[in-house]
Amino acid sequence: MSLLRAEALLARFGLDRYMLMLVGTVVLATILPARGVAASVLSHLTYWVIALLFFLYGARLTTATILAGLRNGRLQLAVLALTFLLFPLFALVLKPLSLIWLPAAAGAGFLYIGCLPSTVQSSIAFTAVSGGNVAGAVCAASISNLVGVVLSPALFALLIPQETGYGVDPSAIWKIVQQVLLPFAVGQLCRPLLGNLLMRHRRATVVVDRGSILLIVYAAFSAGVVNGIWQVIGAGALLVLGMLCLVLLAVVMGAALLTGRATGMNRGDILATLYCGSTKSLASGLPMAGILFAGQDISLIILPLMVFHLLQLAVCAIIAQRLAGQAGVQAGG
């Protein structure tokens, strides 16, 4: 079997190169973790790569797209309600189950998933493949991430019991604003100068986007391996974590579909609501975790997010491909 045919087969199950690289990065960190000076250099490099990532997000997002999406208030409110109200509540209900089999840090990480904003690139891509409202998805995912800079840490601080030791230092929110929101705002200001250039070189921005995530994952799991993460959580616990993440994803997806139908949305808006309202951002979640949980068991805290991210990509890819196939059959018929 050729490499291209193998990739096409894996893609049918939502396993693309990016997902394989994420798993490979964890394996690399397990075998060759960064230590000492290398870990320190990696930490500083990661900071600036994250700032560059959100600068590019700001420079790429057009004002026209934001305005077009904002006109669809029903879609935007539905995504915000799913992301920052229903999702955290569902995670809070499932969290006690996670603590039966998982360490406390991983249980906190499971709740952290529910507080995060929507993913940007993936939700937009899946909406486009399925034939959904792309402009609405772009706006919903972008607003979710901007609001999440402040709301996600506040939600986590509100929902996590203080006695667990995983509370949020108020100063961490300002640090997140500096590293995430400020570069985004600067990118928006520079858009007139860089917008056309970035549109012509989309592949380069995708490399920065996914490369930064892989770098953050490597840094976090390197620290975890040095501190003995795989001695704390084994294969059985990982299987339980995966099942809990699938349950959470299924419940939120069901809620997203019910919300879309109950509010009388058309098919395009329902699909945008499904993908933007049921996915969580690794690109936003990892940088915020590095600030919020500095000096704590960060690898265990972000492990549930990693598992959930991989599962949401696989499930959404399968759904998007089937919906695209149905649309093709209808168009041809």
C-alpha atoms as a PDB file:
ATOM      1  CA  MET A   1       0.000   0.000   0.000  1.00  0.00           C
ATOM      2  CA  SER A   2       1.380   3.406  -0.983  1.00  0.00           C
ATOM      3  CA  LEU A   3       1.844   6.205   1.540  1.00  0.00           C
ATOM      4  CA  LEU A   4      -0.917   8.302  -0.053  1.00  0.00           C
ATOM      5  CA  ARG A   5      -3.395   5.427   0.009  1.00  0.00           C
ATOM      6  CA  ALA A   6      -2.522   4.701   3.644  1.00  0.00           C
ATOM      7  CA  GLU A   7      -3.084   8.362   4.537  1.00  0.00           C
ATOM      8  CA  ALA A   8      -6.421   8.358   2.697  1.00  0.00           C
ATOM      9  CA  LEU A   9      -7.502   5.262   4.627  1.00  0.00           C
ATOM     10  CA  LEU A  10      -6.516   6.786   7.971  1.00  0.00           C
ATOM     11  CA  ALA A  11      -8.275  10.051   7.041  1.00  0.00           C
ATOM     12  CA  ARG A  12     -11.572   8.147   6.779  1.00  0.00           C
ATOM     13  CA  PHE A  13     -11.248   7.560  10.533  1.00  0.00           C
ATOM     14  CA  GLY A  14     -10.183  11.133  11.257  1.00  0.00           C
ATOM     15  CA  LEU A  15      -6.477  10.257  11.570  1.00  0.00           C
ATOM     16  CA  ASP A  16      -4.563  12.838   9.568  1.00  0.00           C
ATOM     17  CA  ARG A  17      -0.879  13.819   9.660  1.00  0.00           C
ATOM     18  CA  TYR A  18      -1.456  16.438  12.349  1.00  0.00           C
ATOM     19  CA  MET A  19      -3.024  13.936  14.752  1.00  0.00           C
ATOM     20  CA  LEU A  20      -0.225  11.468  14.136  1.00  0.00           C
ATOM     21  CA  MET A  21       2.322  14.219  14.794  1.00  0.00           C
ATOM     22  CA  LEU A  22       0.607  15.077  18.086  1.00  0.00           C
ATOM     23  CA  VAL A  23       0.871  11.480  19.222  1.00  0.00           C
ATOM     24  CA  GLY A  24       4.450  11.314  17.911  1.00  0.00           C
ATOM     25  CA  THR A  25       5.350  14.439  19.889  1.00  0.00           C
ATOM     26  CA  VAL A  26       4.175  12.816  23.125  1.00  0.00           C
ATOM     27  CA  VAL A  27       6.223   9.715  22.278  1.00  0.00           C
ATOM     28  CA  LEU A  28       9.281  11.871  21.523  1.00  0.00           C
ATOM     29  CA  ALA A  29       8.907  13.711  24.831  1.00  0.00           C
ATOM     30  CA  THR A  30       8.663  10.352  26.591  1.00  0.00           C
ATOM     31  CA  ILE A  31      11.855   9.029  24.991  1.00  0.00           C
ATOM     32  CA  LEU A  32      13.867  12.265  24.771  1.00  0.00           C
ATOM     33  CA  PRO A  33      12.458  14.832  27.213  1.00  0.00           C
ATOM     34  CA  ALA A  34      13.987  18.307  27.364  1.00  0.00           C
ATOM     35  CA  ARG A  35      16.001  18.777  30.557  1.00  0.00           C
ATOM     36  CA  GLY A  36      18.071  21.475  32.227  1.00  0.00           C
ATOM     37  CA  VAL A  37      19.256  24.234  29.906  1.00  0.00           C
ATOM     38  CA  ALA A  38      17.347  22.766  26.967  1.00  0.00           C
ATOM     39  CA  ALA A  39      14.093  22.928  28.953  1.00  0.00           C
ATOM     40  CA  SER A  40      14.781  26.555  29.899  1.00  0.00           C
ATOM     41  CA  VAL A  41      15.477  27.558  26.287  1.00  0.00           C
ATOM     42  CA  LEU A  42      12.361  25.678  25.177  1.00  0.00           C
ATOM     43  CA  SER A  43      10.261  27.568  27.727  1.00  0.00           C
ATOM     44  CA  HIS A  44      11.390  30.971  26.427  1.00  0.00           C
ATOM     45  CA  LEU A  45      10.981  29.882  22.796  1.00  0.00           C
ATOM     46  CA  THR A  46       7.463  28.615  23.481  1.00  0.00           C
ATOM     47  CA  TYR A  47       6.447  31.988  24.955  1.00  0.00           C
ATOM     48  CA  TRP A  48       7.361  33.897  21.795  1.00  0.00           C
ATOM     49  CA  VAL A  49       5.938  31.257  19.461  1.00  0.00           C
ATOM     50  CA  ILE A  50       2.577  31.534  21.237  1.00  0.00           C
ATOM     51  CA  ALA A  51       2.671  35.329  20.911  1.00  0.00           C
ATOM     52  CA  LEU A  52       3.435  34.945  17.182  1.00  0.00           C
ATOM     53  CA  LEU A  53       0.563  32.477  16.784  1.00  0.00           C
ATOM     54  CA  PHE A  54      -2.030  34.896  18.171  1.00  0.00           C
ATOM     55  CA  PHE A  55      -0.500  37.817  16.282  1.00  0.00           C
ATOM     56  CA  LEU A  56      -1.143  35.866  13.067  1.00  0.00           C
ATOM     57  CA  TYR A  57      -4.689  35.047  14.191  1.00  0.00           C
ATOM     58  CA  GLY A  58      -5.317  38.771  14.560  1.00  0.00           C
ATOM     59  CA  ALA A  59      -3.704  39.666  11.250  1.00  0.00           C
ATOM     60  CA  ARG A  60      -5.760  37.097   9.326  1.00  0.00           C
ATOM     61  CA  LEU A  61      -9.202  37.881  10.723  1.00  0.00           C
ATOM     62  CA  THR A  62     -11.047  40.375   8.518  1.00  0.00           C
ATOM     63  CA  THR A  63     -13.388  42.993   9.937  1.00  0.00           C
ATOM     64  CA  ALA A  64     -15.943  42.136   7.228  1.00  0.00           C
ATOM     65  CA  THR A  65     -16.059  38.520   8.404  1.00  0.00           C
ATOM     66  CA  ILE A  66     -16.642  39.595  12.004  1.00  0.00           C
ATOM     67  CA  LEU A  67     -19.481  41.943  11.003  1.00  0.00           C
ATOM     68  CA  ALA A  68     -21.105  39.325   8.776  1.00  0.00           C
ATOM     69  CA  GLY A  69     -21.018  36.765  11.565  1.00  0.00           C
ATOM     70  CA  LEU A  70     -22.296  39.188  14.206  1.00  0.00           C
ATOM     71  CA  ARG A  71     -25.471  39.765  12.191  1.00  0.00           C
ATOM     72  CA  ASN A  72     -26.441  36.172  13.008  1.00  0.00           C
ATOM     73  CA  GLY A  73     -27.009  36.750  16.719  1.00  0.00           C
ATOM     74  CA  ARG A  74     -28.859  33.461  17.225  1.00  0.00           C
ATOM     75  CA  LEU A  75     -25.840  31.436  16.064  1.00  0.00           C
ATOM     76  CA  GLN A  76     -23.336  33.459  18.095  1.00  0.00           C
ATOM     77  CA  LEU A  77     -25.372  33.280  21.312  1.00  0.00           C
ATOM     78  CA  ALA A  78     -25.933  29.533  20.869  1.00  0.00           C
ATOM     79  CA  VAL A  79     -22.200  28.854  20.510  1.00  0.00           C
ATOM     80  CA  LEU A  80     -21.321  31.044  23.509  1.00  0.00           C
ATOM     81  CA  ALA A  81     -23.993  29.348  25.647  1.00  0.00           C
ATOM     82  CA  LEU A  82     -22.773  25.874  24.675  1.00  0.00           C
ATOM     83  CA  THR A  83     -19.108  26.748  25.148  1.00  0.00           C
ATOM     84  CA  PHE A  84     -19.214  28.673  28.409  1.00  0.00           C
ATOM     85  CA  LEU A  85     -22.421  27.478  30.089  1.00  0.00           C
ATOM     86  CA  LEU A  86     -23.531  23.970  29.120  1.00  0.00           C
ATOM     87  CA  PHE A  87     -20.042  22.566  28.462  1.00  0.00           C
ATOM     88  CA  PRO A  88     -18.649  23.567  31.904  1.00  0.00           C
ATOM     89  CA  LEU A  89     -21.780  22.217  33.605  1.00  0.00           C
ATOM     90  CA  PHE A  90     -21.483  18.862  31.803  1.00  0.00           C
ATOM     91  CA  ALA A  91     -17.774  18.670  32.712  1.00  0.00           C
ATOM     92  CA  LEU A  92     -18.599  19.519  36.332  1.00  0.00           C
ATOM     93  CA  VAL A  93     -21.140  16.669  36.470  1.00  0.00           C
ATOM     94  CA  LEU A  94     -18.652  14.158  35.022  1.00  0.00           C
ATOM     95  CA  LYS A  95     -15.650  15.346  37.070  1.00  0.00           C
ATOM     96  CA  PRO A  96     -16.463  13.200  40.172  1.00  0.00           C
ATOM     97  CA  LEU A  97     -16.370  10.113  37.944  1.00  0.00           C
ATOM     98  CA  SER A  98     -12.930  11.103  36.673  1.00  0.00           C
ATOM     99  CA  LEU A  99     -11.613  11.347  40.245  1.00  0.00           C
ATOM    100  CA  ILE A 100     -12.542   7.700  40.906  1.00  0.00           C
ATOM    101  CA  TRP A 101      -9.912   6.462  38.429  1.00  0.00           C
ATOM    102  CA  LEU A 102      -7.674   9.455  37.706  1.00  0.00           C
ATOM    103  CA  PRO A 103      -5.217  11.520  39.779  1.00  0.00           C
ATOM    104  CA  ALA A 104      -6.503  14.830  41.182  1.00  0.00           C
ATOM    105  CA  ALA A 105      -4.465  16.832  38.648  1.00  0.00           C
ATOM    106  CA  ALA A 106      -6.071  14.963  35.737  1.00  0.00           C
ATOM    107  CA  GLY A 107      -9.489  15.468  37.326  1.00  0.00           C
ATOM    108  CA  ALA A 108      -8.822  19.209  37.435  1.00  0.00           C
ATOM    109  CA  GLY A 109      -7.747  18.995  33.812  1.00  0.00           C
ATOM    110  CA  PHE A 110     -11.038  17.328  32.896  1.00  0.00           C
ATOM    111  CA  LEU A 111     -12.918  20.305  34.374  1.00  0.00           C
ATOM    112  CA  TYR A 112     -10.494  22.646  32.604  1.00  0.00           C
ATOM    113  CA  ILE A 113     -11.671  21.250  29.247  1.00  0.00           C
ATOM    114  CA  GLY A 114     -15.185  22.506  29.909  1.00  0.00           C
ATOM    115  CA  CYS A 115     -14.012  26.073  30.591  1.00  0.00           C
ATOM    116  CA  LEU A 116     -12.030  26.553  27.369  1.00  0.00           C
ATOM    117  CA  PRO A 117     -13.078  28.419  24.195  1.00  0.00           C
ATOM    118  CA  SER A 118     -13.913  26.775  20.893  1.00  0.00           C
ATOM    119  CA  THR A 119     -11.224  25.625  18.499  1.00  0.00           C
ATOM    120  CA  VAL A 120     -10.699  27.984  15.541  1.00  0.00           C
ATOM    121  CA  GLN A 121      -9.184  26.323  12.490  1.00  0.00           C
ATOM    122  CA  SER A 122     -10.691  22.861  12.998  1.00  0.00           C
ATOM    123  CA  SER A 123     -14.262  24.021  13.586  1.00  0.00           C
ATOM    124  CA  ILE A 124     -14.099  26.312  10.544  1.00  0.00           C
ATOM    125  CA  ALA A 125     -12.602  23.566   8.363  1.00  0.00           C
ATOM    126  CA  PHE A 126     -15.222  20.993   9.407  1.00  0.00           C
ATOM    127  CA  THR A 127     -18.023  23.525   8.837  1.00  0.00           C
ATOM    128  CA  ALA A 128     -16.694  24.227   5.332  1.00  0.00           C
ATOM    129  CA  VAL A 129     -16.358  20.524   4.432  1.00  0.00           C
ATOM    130  CA  SER A 130     -19.912  19.838   5.661  1.00  0.00           C
ATOM    131  CA  GLY A 131     -21.396  22.753   3.717  1.00  0.00           C
ATOM    132  CA  GLY A 132     -22.208  24.840   6.787  1.00  0.00           C
ATOM    133  CA  ASN A 133     -22.144  28.582   7.464  1.00  0.00           C
ATOM    134  CA  VAL A 134     -18.405  29.308   7.250  1.00  0.00           C
ATOM    135  CA  ALA A 135     -18.640  33.071   7.943  1.00  0.00           C
ATOM    136  CA  GLY A 136     -20.736  32.362  11.025  1.00  0.00           C
ATOM    137  CA  ALA A 137     -18.252  29.716  12.203  1.00  0.00           C
ATOM    138  CA  VAL A 138     -15.281  32.066  11.732  1.00  0.00           C
ATOM    139  CA  CYS A 139     -16.995  34.736  13.793  1.00  0.00           C
ATOM    140  CA  ALA A 140     -18.257  32.345  16.488  1.00  0.00           C
ATOM    141  CA  ALA A 141     -14.886  30.636  16.982  1.00  0.00           C
ATOM    142  CA  SER A 142     -13.000  33.955  17.016  1.00  0.00           C
ATOM    143  CA  ILE A 143     -15.360  35.607  19.509  1.00  0.00           C
ATOM    144  CA  SER A 144     -15.234  32.487  21.662  1.00  0.00           C
ATOM    145  CA  ASN A 145     -11.439  32.698  21.861  1.00  0.00           C
ATOM    146  CA  LEU A 146     -11.372  36.433  22.559  1.00  0.00           C
ATOM    147  CA  VAL A 147     -13.956  36.093  25.324  1.00  0.00           C
ATOM    148  CA  GLY A 148     -12.202  32.984  26.631  1.00  0.00           C
ATOM    149  CA  VAL A 149      -8.993  34.866  27.415  1.00  0.00           C
ATOM    150  CA  VAL A 150     -10.743  36.295  30.482  1.00  0.00           C
ATOM    151  CA  LEU A 151     -13.788  34.060  30.909  1.00  0.00           C
ATOM    152  CA  SER A 152     -12.044  30.664  30.822  1.00  0.00           C
ATOM    153  CA  PRO A 153      -9.749  31.305  33.842  1.00  0.00           C
ATOM    154  CA  ALA A 154     -12.642  32.951  35.706  1.00  0.00           C
ATOM    155  CA  LEU A 155     -14.925  29.952  35.050  1.00  0.00           C
ATOM    156  CA  PHE A 156     -12.283  27.496  36.181  1.00  0.00           C
ATOM    157  CA  ALA A 157     -11.644  29.510  39.354  1.00  0.00           C
ATOM    158  CA  LEU A 158     -15.388  29.526  40.049  1.00  0.00           C
ATOM    159  CA  LEU A 159     -15.932  25.804  39.490  1.00  0.00           C
ATOM    160  CA  ILE A 160     -12.796  24.235  40.973  1.00  0.00           C
ATOM    161  CA  PRO A 161     -12.913  23.651  44.762  1.00  0.00           C
ATOM    162  CA  GLN A 162     -10.263  25.772  46.486  1.00  0.00           C
ATOM    163  CA  GLU A 163      -9.116  22.899  48.704  1.00  0.00           C
ATOM    164  CA  THR A 164      -7.862  21.015  45.639  1.00  0.00           C
ATOM    165  CA  GLY A 165      -4.914  23.401  45.321  1.00  0.00           C
ATOM    166  CA  TYR A 166      -5.620  24.168  41.653  1.00  0.00           C
ATOM    167  CA  GLY A 167      -7.089  27.639  42.075  1.00  0.00           C
ATOM    168  CA  VAL A 168      -6.359  30.543  39.717  1.00  0.00           C
ATOM    169  CA  ASP A 169      -4.124  33.452  40.706  1.00  0.00           C
ATOM    170  CA  PRO A 170      -5.840  36.680  39.522  1.00  0.00           C
ATOM    171  CA  SER A 171      -2.503  37.931  38.189  1.00  0.00           C
ATOM    172  CA  ALA A 172      -2.489  34.975  35.772  1.00  0.00           C
ATOM    173  CA  ILE A 173      -5.368  36.533  33.819  1.00  0.00           C
ATOM    174  CA  TRP A 174      -3.256  39.636  33.113  1.00  0.00           C
ATOM    175  CA  LYS A 175      -0.374  37.413  31.983  1.00  0.00           C
ATOM    176  CA  ILE A 176      -2.725  35.642  29.587  1.00  0.00           C
ATOM    177  CA  VAL A 177      -3.917  38.980  28.217  1.00  0.00           C
ATOM    178  CA  GLN A 178      -0.287  39.968  27.610  1.00  0.00           C
ATOM    179  CA  GLN A 179       0.639  36.749  25.849  1.00  0.00           C
ATOM    180  CA  VAL A 180      -2.582  36.098  23.899  1.00  0.00           C
ATOM    181  CA  LEU A 181      -4.917  39.081  23.600  1.00  0.00           C
ATOM    182  CA  LEU A 182      -2.294  41.798  23.148  1.00  0.00           C
ATOM    183  CA  PRO A 183      -0.557  40.057  20.198  1.00  0.00           C
ATOM    184  CA  PHE A 184      -3.994  39.438  18.672  1.00  0.00           C
ATOM    185  CA  ALA A 185      -4.843  43.158  18.938  1.00  0.00           C
ATOM    186  CA  VAL A 186      -1.495  44.140  17.413  1.00  0.00           C
ATOM    187  CA  GLY A 187      -2.163  41.675  14.583  1.00  0.00           C
ATOM    188  CA  GLN A 188      -5.521  43.335  13.903  1.00  0.00           C
ATOM    189  CA  LEU A 189      -3.797  46.724  13.715  1.00  0.00           C
ATOM    190  CA  CYS A 190      -1.221  45.315  11.279  1.00  0.00           C
ATOM    191  CA  ARG A 191      -3.786  43.610   9.096  1.00  0.00           C
ATOM    192  CA  PRO A 192      -3.842  46.381   6.427  1.00  0.00           C
ATOM    193  CA  LEU A 193      -0.118  45.749   5.913  1.00  0.00           C
ATOM    194  CA  LEU A 194      -0.010  41.957   6.268  1.00  0.00           C
ATOM    195  CA  GLY A 195      -3.483  40.687   5.334  1.00  0.00           C
ATOM    196  CA  ASN A 196      -2.839  40.090   1.624  1.00  0.00           C
ATOM    197  CA  LEU A 197       0.586  38.585   2.300  1.00  0.00           C
ATOM    198  CA  LEU A 198      -0.861  36.069   4.773  1.00  0.00           C
ATOM    199  CA  MET A 199      -3.648  35.155   2.359  1.00  0.00           C
ATOM    200  CA  ARG A 200      -1.050  34.316  -0.300  1.00  0.00           C
ATOM    201  CA  HIS A 201       1.009  32.237   2.124  1.00  0.00           C
ATOM    202  CA  ARG A 202      -1.600  30.312   4.066  1.00  0.00           C
ATOM    203  CA  ARG A 203       0.606  27.228   4.305  1.00  0.00           C
ATOM    204  CA  ALA A 204       3.181  29.186   6.298  1.00  0.00           C
ATOM    205  CA  THR A 205       0.560  30.289   8.829  1.00  0.00           C
ATOM    206  CA  VAL A 206      -0.676  26.707   9.174  1.00  0.00           C
ATOM    207  CA  VAL A 207       2.908  25.598   9.879  1.00  0.00           C
ATOM    208  CA  VAL A 208       3.212  28.237  12.625  1.00  0.00           C
ATOM    209  CA  ASP A 209      -0.195  27.276  14.020  1.00  0.00           C
ATOM    210  CA  ARG A 210       0.388  23.549  14.246  1.00  0.00           C
ATOM    211  CA  GLY A 211       4.107  23.846  14.913  1.00  0.00           C
ATOM    212  CA  SER A 212       3.469  26.016  17.963  1.00  0.00           C
ATOM    213  CA  ILE A 213       0.998  23.478  19.353  1.00  0.00           C
ATOM    214  CA  LEU A 214       3.470  20.634  18.851  1.00  0.00           C
ATOM    215  CA  LEU A 215       6.173  22.697  20.583  1.00  0.00           C
ATOM    216  CA  ILE A 216       3.921  23.392  23.588  1.00  0.00           C
ATOM    217  CA  VAL A 217       2.931  19.732  23.822  1.00  0.00           C
ATOM    218  CA  TYR A 218       6.581  18.650  23.709  1.00  0.00           C
ATOM    219  CA  ALA A 219       7.559  21.146  26.430  1.00  0.00           C
ATOM    220  CA  ALA A 220       4.670  20.164  28.717  1.00  0.00           C
ATOM    221  CA  PHE A 221       5.142  16.422  28.365  1.00  0.00           C
ATOM    222  CA  SER A 222       8.911  16.723  28.702  1.00  0.00           C
ATOM    223  CA  ALA A 223       8.357  18.297  32.112  1.00  0.00           C
ATOM    224  CA  GLY A 224       5.814  15.589  32.900  1.00  0.00           C
ATOM    225  CA  VAL A 225       8.143  12.744  31.936  1.00  0.00           C
ATOM    226  CA  VAL A 226      10.934  14.233  34.053  1.00  0.00           C
ATOM    227  CA  ASN A 227       8.473  14.320  36.981  1.00  0.00           C
ATOM    228  CA  GLY A 228       7.255  10.744  36.341  1.00  0.00           C
ATOM    229  CA  ILE A 229       3.874  11.230  34.659  1.00  0.00           C
ATOM    230  CA  TRP A 230       3.727   7.684  33.244  1.00  0.00           C
ATOM    231  CA  GLN A 231       4.363   6.229  36.700  1.00  0.00           C
ATOM    232  CA  VAL A 232       1.297   8.099  37.988  1.00  0.00           C
ATOM    233  CA  ILE A 233      -1.162   7.314  35.184  1.00  0.00           C
ATOM    234  CA  GLY A 234      -1.224   4.005  33.331  1.00  0.00           C
ATOM    235  CA  ALA A 235      -2.935   2.431  30.333  1.00  0.00           C
ATOM    236  CA  GLY A 236      -6.121   1.637  32.249  1.00  0.00           C
ATOM    237  CA  ALA A 237      -6.501   5.210  33.458  1.00  0.00           C
ATOM    238  CA  LEU A 238      -5.901   6.491  29.913  1.00  0.00           C
ATOM    239  CA  LEU A 239      -8.672   4.209  28.624  1.00  0.00           C
ATOM    240  CA  VAL A 240     -11.071   5.533  31.277  1.00  0.00           C
ATOM    241  CA  LEU A 241     -10.090   9.101  30.413  1.00  0.00           C
ATOM    242  CA  GLY A 242     -10.785   8.445  26.745  1.00  0.00           C
ATOM    243  CA  MET A 243     -14.224   7.012  27.517  1.00  0.00           C
ATOM    244  CA  LEU A 244     -15.123   9.988  29.736  1.00  0.00           C
ATOM    245  CA  CYS A 245     -14.003  12.394  27.006  1.00  0.00           C
ATOM    246  CA  LEU A 246     -16.141  10.564  24.442  1.00  0.00           C
ATOM    247  CA  VAL A 247     -19.165  10.766  26.740  1.00  0.00           C
ATOM    248  CA  LEU A 248     -18.595  14.498  27.249  1.00  0.00           C
ATOM    249  CA  LEU A 249     -18.188  15.077  23.503  1.00  0.00           C
ATOM    250  CA  ALA A 250     -21.307  13.064  22.657  1.00  0.00           C
ATOM    251  CA  VAL A 251     -23.452  14.884  25.222  1.00  0.00           C
ATOM    252  CA  VAL A 252     -22.337  18.335  24.039  1.00  0.00           C
ATOM    253  CA  MET A 253     -22.797  17.426  20.364  1.00  0.00           C
ATOM    254  CA  GLY A 254     -26.308  16.247  21.137  1.00  0.00           C
ATOM    255  CA  ALA A 255     -27.009  19.485  22.993  1.00  0.00           C
ATOM    256  CA  ALA A 256     -25.667  21.510  20.053  1.00  0.00           C
ATOM    257  CA  LEU A 257     -27.953  19.756  17.570  1.00  0.00           C
ATOM    258  CA  LEU A 258     -30.982  20.133  19.859  1.00  0.00           C
ATOM    259  CA  THR A 259     -30.186  23.817  20.370  1.00  0.00           C
ATOM    260  CA  GLY A 260     -29.944  24.437  16.628  1.00  0.00           C
ATOM    261  CA  ARG A 261     -33.221  22.671  15.855  1.00  0.00           C
ATOM    262  CA  ALA A 262     -35.083  24.163  18.833  1.00  0.00           C
ATOM    263  CA  THR A 263     -34.152  27.703  17.791  1.00  0.00           C
ATOM    264  CA  GLY A 264     -35.184  27.159  14.167  1.00  0.00           C
ATOM    265  CA  MET A 265     -31.728  27.407  12.603  1.00  0.00           C
ATOM    266  CA  ASN A 266     -31.130  26.388   8.994  1.00  0.00           C
ATOM    267  CA  ARG A 267     -28.786  23.527   8.126  1.00  0.00           C
ATOM    268  CA  GLY A 268     -25.732  25.753   7.645  1.00  0.00           C
ATOM    269  CA  ASP A 269     -26.131  27.405  11.041  1.00  0.00           C
ATOM    270  CA  ILE A 270     -26.795  24.086  12.787  1.00  0.00           C
ATOM    271  CA  LEU A 271     -23.519  22.695  11.423  1.00  0.00           C
ATOM    272  CA  ALA A 272     -21.583  25.791  12.515  1.00  0.00           C
ATOM    273  CA  THR A 273     -23.161  25.467  15.974  1.00  0.00           C
ATOM    274  CA  LEU A 274     -22.289  21.761  16.110  1.00  0.00           C
ATOM    275  CA  TYR A 275     -18.592  22.209  15.355  1.00  0.00           C
ATOM    276  CA  CYS A 276     -17.979  25.516  17.167  1.00  0.00           C
ATOM    277  CA  GLY A 277     -20.091  24.609  20.196  1.00  0.00           C
ATOM    278  CA  SER A 278     -18.716  21.119  20.834  1.00  0.00           C
ATOM    279  CA  THR A 279     -14.964  21.525  20.264  1.00  0.00           C
ATOM    280  CA  LYS A 280     -12.291  22.934  22.554  1.00  0.00           C
ATOM    281  CA  SER A 281      -9.145  24.811  21.583  1.00  0.00           C
ATOM    282  CA  LEU A 282      -5.760  23.229  22.181  1.00  0.00           C
ATOM    283  CA  ALA A 283      -4.090  26.375  20.789  1.00  0.00           C
ATOM    284  CA  SER A 284      -5.697  28.531  23.490  1.00  0.00           C
ATOM    285  CA  GLY A 285      -5.852  25.912  26.232  1.00  0.00           C
ATOM    286  CA  LEU A 286      -2.171  24.996  26.321  1.00  0.00           C
ATOM    287  CA  PRO A 287      -0.764  28.549  26.636  1.00  0.00           C
ATOM    288  CA  MET A 288      -3.318  29.433  29.318  1.00  0.00           C
ATOM    289  CA  ALA A 289      -2.544  26.229  31.222  1.00  0.00           C
ATOM    290  CA  GLY A 290       1.163  27.074  31.185  1.00  0.00           C
ATOM    291  CA  ILE A 291       0.373  30.359  32.958  1.00  0.00           C
ATOM    292  CA  LEU A 292      -2.497  29.260  35.211  1.00  0.00           C
ATOM    293  CA  PHE A 293      -0.810  26.111  36.498  1.00  0.00           C
ATOM    294  CA  ALA A 294       2.837  27.204  36.547  1.00  0.00           C
ATOM    295  CA  GLY A 295       4.802  25.018  38.958  1.00  0.00           C
ATOM    296  CA  GLN A 296       2.026  22.396  39.189  1.00  0.00           C
ATOM    297  CA  ASP A 297       1.523  19.000  37.501  1.00  0.00           C
ATOM    298  CA  ILE A 298       0.870  20.663  34.149  1.00  0.00           C
ATOM    299  CA  SER A 299       1.390  17.527  32.062  1.00  0.00           C
ATOM    300  CA  LEU A 300      -1.320  15.698  34.023  1.00  0.00           C
ATOM    301  CA  ILE A 301      -3.608  18.741  33.885  1.00  0.00           C
ATOM    302  CA  ILE A 302      -3.380  19.071  30.096  1.00  0.00           C
ATOM    303  CA  LEU A 303      -3.525  15.306  29.430  1.00  0.00           C
ATOM    304  CA  PRO A 304      -7.381  15.264  29.397  1.00  0.00           C
ATOM    305  CA  LEU A 305      -7.345  18.199  26.962  1.00  0.00           C
ATOM    306  CA  MET A 306      -4.923  16.339  24.688  1.00  0.00           C
ATOM    307  CA  VAL A 307      -7.103  13.221  24.697  1.00  0.00           C
ATOM    308  CA  PHE A 308     -10.288  15.234  24.147  1.00  0.00           C
ATOM    309  CA  HIS A 309      -8.657  17.192  21.311  1.00  0.00           C
ATOM    310  CA  LEU A 310      -7.604  14.044  19.470  1.00  0.00           C
ATOM    311  CA  LEU A 311     -11.050  12.491  19.889  1.00  0.00           C
ATOM    312  CA  GLN A 312     -12.908  15.617  18.763  1.00  0.00           C
ATOM    313  CA  LEU A 313     -10.768  15.807  15.626  1.00  0.00           C
ATOM    314  CA  ALA A 314     -11.431  12.162  14.796  1.00  0.00           C
ATOM    315  CA  VAL A 315     -15.184  12.304  15.474  1.00  0.00           C
ATOM    316  CA  CYS A 316     -15.718  15.635  13.705  1.00  0.00           C
ATOM    317  CA  ALA A 317     -13.669  14.495  10.693  1.00  0.00           C
ATOM    318  CA  ILE A 318     -15.811  11.374  10.302  1.00  0.00           C
ATOM    319  CA  ILE A 319     -19.040  13.378  10.630  1.00  0.00           C
ATOM    320  CA  ALA A 320     -17.844  16.054   8.189  1.00  0.00           C
ATOM    321  CA  GLN A 321     -16.826  13.501   5.564  1.00  0.00           C
ATOM    322  CA  ARG A 322     -20.179  11.698   5.779  1.00  0.00           C
ATOM    323  CA  LEU A 323     -22.118  14.962   5.541  1.00  0.00           C
ATOM    324  CA  ALA A 324     -19.990  16.030   2.577  1.00  0.00           C
ATOM    325  CA  GLY A 325     -20.695  12.709   0.890  1.00  0.00           C
ATOM    326  CA  GLN A 326     -24.443  13.095   1.450  1.00  0.00           C
ATOM    327  CA  ALA A 327     -24.336  16.607   0.019  1.00  0.00           C
ATOM    328  CA  GLY A 328     -22.486  15.288  -3.032  1.00  0.00           C
ATOM    329  CA  VAL A 329     -25.075  12.553  -3.580  1.00  0.00           C
ATOM    330  CA  GLN A 330     -27.934  15.045  -3.287  1.00  0.00           C
ATOM    331  CA  ALA A 331     -26.249  17.431  -5.712  1.00  0.00           C
ATOM    332  CA  GLY A 332     -25.599  14.658  -8.188  1.00  0.00           C
ATOM    333  CA  GLY A 333     -29.098  13.235  -7.831  1.00  0.00           C
END
